[in-house]
Protein backbone atom coordinates (compact mmCIF):
# COMPACT_ATOMS: atom_id res chain seq x y z
CA UNK A 1 -23.51 5.69 -12.15
CA UNK A 2 -23.77 1.91 -11.91
CA UNK A 3 -21.06 0.14 -10.08
CA UNK A 4 -19.13 -2.19 -12.42
CA UNK A 5 -18.39 -5.58 -10.88
CA UNK A 6 -14.66 -5.84 -10.88
CA UNK A 7 -12.35 -7.77 -8.57
CA UNK A 8 -11.95 -4.58 -6.50
CA UNK A 9 -9.83 -4.64 -3.36
CA UNK A 10 -11.95 -4.25 -0.06
CA UNK A 11 -10.72 -1.80 2.48
CA UNK A 12 -8.87 -3.07 5.43
CA UNK A 13 -10.91 -1.21 7.87
CA UNK A 14 -14.30 -2.49 6.38
CA UNK A 15 -13.03 -6.00 6.49
CA UNK A 16 -11.45 -6.23 10.02
CA UNK A 17 -14.70 -6.91 11.75
CA UNK A 18 -15.45 -9.82 9.57
CA UNK A 19 -11.91 -11.15 9.93
CA UNK A 20 -12.09 -10.94 13.69
CA UNK A 21 -15.31 -13.08 13.73
CA UNK A 22 -14.06 -15.67 11.26
CA UNK A 23 -12.51 -14.00 8.20
CA UNK A 24 -13.39 -14.43 4.70
CA UNK A 25 -15.58 -15.90 2.00
CA UNK A 26 -14.85 -19.04 0.16
CA UNK A 27 -15.30 -20.40 -3.22
CA UNK A 28 -14.22 -23.58 -4.81
CA UNK A 29 -13.61 -24.94 -8.25
CA UNK A 30 -13.12 -28.13 -10.19
CA UNK A 31 -10.55 -30.78 -9.94
CA UNK A 32 -10.21 -34.51 -10.25
CA UNK A 33 -13.39 -35.08 -8.22
CA UNK A 34 -16.50 -33.40 -9.48
CA UNK A 35 -20.00 -33.82 -8.11
CA UNK A 36 -21.39 -34.02 -11.63
CA UNK A 37 -19.41 -37.12 -12.41
CA UNK A 38 -20.79 -40.62 -11.30
CA UNK A 39 -19.65 -41.69 -7.91
CA UNK A 40 -18.48 -38.23 -6.81
CA UNK A 41 -19.71 -36.97 -3.43
CA UNK A 42 -21.28 -33.51 -2.73
CA UNK A 43 -18.16 -32.26 -1.11
CA UNK A 44 -15.44 -34.28 -2.70
CA UNK A 45 -11.70 -33.71 -1.92
CA UNK A 46 -8.62 -34.76 -3.88
CA UNK A 47 -8.31 -32.58 -6.94
CA UNK A 48 -5.90 -30.09 -8.29
CA UNK A 49 -6.74 -26.91 -10.21
CA UNK A 50 -4.59 -24.28 -11.82
CA UNK A 51 -4.28 -20.92 -9.99
CA UNK A 52 -3.93 -17.53 -11.42
CA UNK A 53 -3.19 -14.19 -9.67
CA UNK A 54 -3.60 -11.83 -12.66
CA UNK A 55 -0.62 -12.68 -14.74
CA UNK A 56 -2.48 -14.64 -17.39
CA UNK A 57 -6.10 -15.80 -18.08
CA UNK A 58 -6.90 -19.07 -16.31
CA UNK A 59 -8.02 -22.00 -18.55
CA UNK A 60 -10.20 -24.81 -17.57
CA UNK A 61 -8.54 -28.06 -16.46
CA UNK A 62 -9.58 -31.23 -18.34
CA UNK A 63 -12.12 -31.96 -15.59
CA UNK A 64 -13.63 -28.68 -15.87
CA UNK A 65 -14.00 -28.77 -19.67
CA UNK A 66 -14.67 -32.34 -20.27
CA UNK A 67 -17.81 -34.29 -20.83
CA UNK A 68 -19.70 -35.68 -17.70
CA UNK A 69 -23.21 -37.18 -17.22
CA UNK A 70 -25.66 -34.67 -15.61
CA UNK A 71 -27.21 -35.70 -12.48
CA UNK A 72 -30.01 -34.42 -10.20
CA UNK A 73 -29.69 -31.16 -8.16
CA UNK A 74 -30.42 -28.52 -10.75
CA UNK A 75 -33.10 -25.99 -9.79
CA UNK A 76 -34.04 -22.38 -10.16
CA UNK A 77 -34.57 -21.99 -6.46
CA UNK A 78 -32.06 -20.39 -4.20
CA UNK A 79 -29.45 -22.80 -2.92
CA UNK A 80 -27.43 -22.12 0.26
CA UNK A 81 -25.35 -23.90 2.99
CA UNK A 82 -27.37 -25.18 5.99
CA UNK A 83 -25.42 -22.73 8.32
CA UNK A 84 -25.70 -19.74 6.06
CA UNK A 85 -25.49 -16.79 6.81
CA UNK A 86 -23.06 -17.78 9.54
CA UNK A 87 -19.50 -17.32 8.75
CA UNK A 88 -17.53 -20.51 8.04
CA UNK A 89 -13.90 -21.51 8.09
CA UNK A 90 -11.40 -19.07 6.38
CA UNK A 91 -11.00 -19.81 2.70
CA UNK A 92 -8.28 -17.11 2.01
CA UNK A 93 -8.61 -14.98 -1.09
CA UNK A 94 -9.93 -15.69 -4.51
CA UNK A 95 -7.07 -16.89 -6.77
CA UNK A 96 -8.89 -17.89 -9.99
CA UNK A 97 -12.33 -18.15 -11.68
CA UNK A 98 -12.79 -20.62 -14.66
CA UNK A 99 -15.51 -21.75 -16.90
CA UNK A 100 -15.70 -25.19 -18.42
CA UNK A 101 -18.16 -27.05 -20.67
CA UNK A 102 -19.83 -30.27 -19.70
CA UNK A 103 -22.35 -32.44 -21.25
CA UNK A 104 -25.74 -30.62 -20.61
CA UNK A 105 -24.34 -27.87 -18.38
CA UNK A 106 -21.63 -25.40 -17.97
CA UNK A 107 -19.50 -25.02 -14.87
CA UNK A 108 -18.08 -21.78 -13.11
CA UNK A 109 -15.34 -22.59 -10.59
CA UNK A 110 -14.13 -20.06 -7.99
CA UNK A 111 -10.73 -21.11 -6.42
CA UNK A 112 -9.46 -19.90 -3.21
CA UNK A 113 -5.99 -19.94 -1.42
CA UNK A 114 -7.17 -21.21 1.86
CA UNK A 115 -8.12 -24.71 3.07
CA UNK A 116 -11.56 -23.91 4.86
CA UNK A 117 -14.92 -25.09 3.44
CA UNK A 118 -16.91 -22.03 2.38
CA UNK A 119 -20.60 -21.40 3.17
CA UNK A 120 -22.53 -19.99 0.35
CA UNK A 121 -25.79 -18.51 -1.01
CA UNK A 122 -26.56 -18.63 -4.70
CA UNK A 123 -29.76 -17.13 -6.18
CA UNK A 124 -31.21 -15.42 -9.14
CA UNK A 125 -31.91 -11.59 -8.73
CA UNK A 126 -33.62 -9.21 -11.11
CA UNK A 127 -31.21 -6.39 -10.62
CA UNK A 128 -27.86 -7.22 -9.04
CA UNK A 129 -26.62 -4.78 -6.39
CA UNK A 130 -23.63 -4.71 -4.18
CA UNK A 131 -24.40 -5.96 -0.65
CA UNK A 132 -21.77 -3.51 0.71
CA UNK A 133 -22.81 -0.33 -0.95
CA UNK A 134 -26.19 -1.16 -2.36
CA UNK A 135 -25.23 0.24 -5.79
CA UNK A 136 -26.14 -1.48 -8.95
CA UNK A 137 -23.66 -3.98 -10.41
CA UNK A 138 -23.10 -3.61 -14.17
CA UNK A 139 -22.41 -7.16 -15.63
CA UNK A 140 -23.15 -8.62 -18.98
CA UNK A 141 -26.04 -11.07 -19.01
CA UNK A 142 -29.74 -11.81 -19.62
CA UNK A 143 -30.28 -13.15 -16.16
CA UNK A 144 -28.22 -12.88 -13.13
CA UNK A 145 -26.93 -15.29 -10.48
CA UNK A 146 -25.79 -13.62 -7.35
CA UNK A 147 -22.94 -15.73 -5.68
CA UNK A 148 -22.05 -15.02 -2.02
CA UNK A 149 -19.50 -16.87 -0.10
CA UNK A 150 -17.81 -16.76 3.40
CA UNK A 151 -15.34 -16.68 4.78
CA UNK A 152 -13.12 -14.60 2.28
CA UNK A 153 -10.12 -12.71 3.68
CA UNK A 154 -8.84 -9.30 2.77
CA UNK A 155 -6.08 -9.51 0.08
CA UNK A 156 -2.56 -8.15 0.78
CA UNK A 157 -1.88 -4.64 -0.72
CA UNK A 158 0.45 -6.30 -3.24
CA UNK A 159 -1.92 -9.09 -4.35
CA UNK A 160 -3.11 -9.03 -7.90
CA UNK A 161 -6.89 -9.71 -8.61
CA UNK A 162 -7.80 -12.78 -10.70
CA UNK A 163 -8.66 -12.18 -14.39
CA UNK A 164 -12.11 -12.89 -15.71
CA UNK A 165 -12.47 -15.90 -18.02
CA UNK A 166 -11.60 -14.91 -21.68
CA UNK A 167 -13.86 -14.90 -24.50
CA UNK A 168 -12.73 -18.14 -25.77
CA UNK A 169 -13.64 -20.01 -22.55
CA UNK A 170 -16.99 -18.44 -22.51
CA UNK A 171 -17.93 -18.99 -26.24
CA UNK A 172 -20.68 -21.55 -26.70
CA UNK A 173 -21.63 -21.68 -23.13
CA UNK A 174 -24.58 -20.23 -21.05
CA UNK A 175 -22.18 -17.84 -19.33
CA UNK A 176 -21.81 -14.21 -20.60
CA UNK A 177 -19.76 -13.06 -17.73
CA UNK A 178 -18.15 -14.43 -14.54
CA UNK A 179 -16.26 -11.88 -12.62
CA UNK A 180 -14.16 -13.36 -9.76
CA UNK A 181 -14.43 -13.25 -6.10
CA UNK A 182 -11.19 -11.67 -4.79
CA UNK A 183 -11.65 -10.38 -1.27
CA UNK A 184 -14.36 -10.13 1.32
CA UNK A 185 -16.30 -7.42 2.94
CA UNK A 186 -16.83 -8.11 6.72
CA UNK A 187 -16.07 -11.75 5.88
CA UNK A 188 -18.41 -12.11 2.84
CA UNK A 189 -17.39 -12.24 -0.73
CA UNK A 190 -19.77 -11.69 -3.77
CA UNK A 191 -19.97 -11.76 -7.48
CA UNK A 192 -22.51 -12.14 -10.10
CA UNK A 193 -22.68 -14.64 -13.07
CA UNK A 194 -24.27 -13.29 -16.13
CA UNK A 195 -26.40 -15.92 -17.72
CA UNK A 196 -27.31 -15.94 -21.41
CA UNK A 197 -30.90 -15.96 -22.72
CA UNK A 198 -32.89 -16.56 -19.53
CA UNK A 199 -32.82 -17.91 -15.92
CA UNK A 200 -31.49 -21.49 -16.15
CA UNK A 201 -31.55 -24.26 -13.49
CA UNK A 202 -28.31 -24.40 -11.45
CA UNK A 203 -26.66 -26.34 -8.61
CA UNK A 204 -23.85 -25.59 -6.28
CA UNK A 205 -21.14 -27.56 -4.67
CA UNK A 206 -17.98 -27.22 -2.73
CA UNK A 207 -14.66 -29.07 -3.49
CA UNK A 208 -11.42 -29.02 -1.50
CA UNK A 209 -7.68 -29.33 -2.12
CA UNK A 210 -7.75 -26.73 -3.38
CA UNK A 211 -10.84 -24.97 -2.01
CA UNK A 212 -13.38 -24.34 -4.77
CA UNK A 213 -16.88 -23.24 -4.97
CA UNK A 214 -18.60 -24.59 -8.06
CA UNK A 215 -21.77 -23.45 -9.82
CA UNK A 216 -23.20 -25.54 -12.57
CA UNK A 217 -25.70 -24.04 -15.02
CA UNK A 218 -27.96 -26.19 -17.17
CA UNK A 219 -28.03 -25.53 -20.90
């Protein structure tokens, strides 16, 4: 049976090795500074984003759903941090995933509880499979962007997984599915973005305060 990509809880035993090295995978989202807006840096700080831990569906902030001027940096090629696959600073656990519309592209934002800056690898794959188990991942989409991040921590037993973006936030976008990153396996967290129609150029950036991993997908 194909494995359905849901924000499943990693086992404590599987993740302890990764935590001893440098704990957990990171992801960042949108805020008052966005790399897509004029004058913003590639790793801007200063921004606030709403957090959700499963009690309600997250909605895009004005910065994540507003209009902005597209800039360079979009490509079909794999994008990764210079230090990947080394584990980076701890980013905590995933607390939200949001999808927002911009002029010329759509934005997927992964927000984390920690303050570390994640390292990442984002690339198109023909058939998404779990890096931990090797089992196929069942996610809606015509093309698949595999998103991997470090260093994501193991959630507490009582922690609730973030919800996926609702139908309303995906309507009219290039995104068919955007499961969250919740916890990490041996320090690495992963998810798959289901892209509508075909492979589309994308770009990746990191934002801080709060820690967010941002994937922009061209329309």
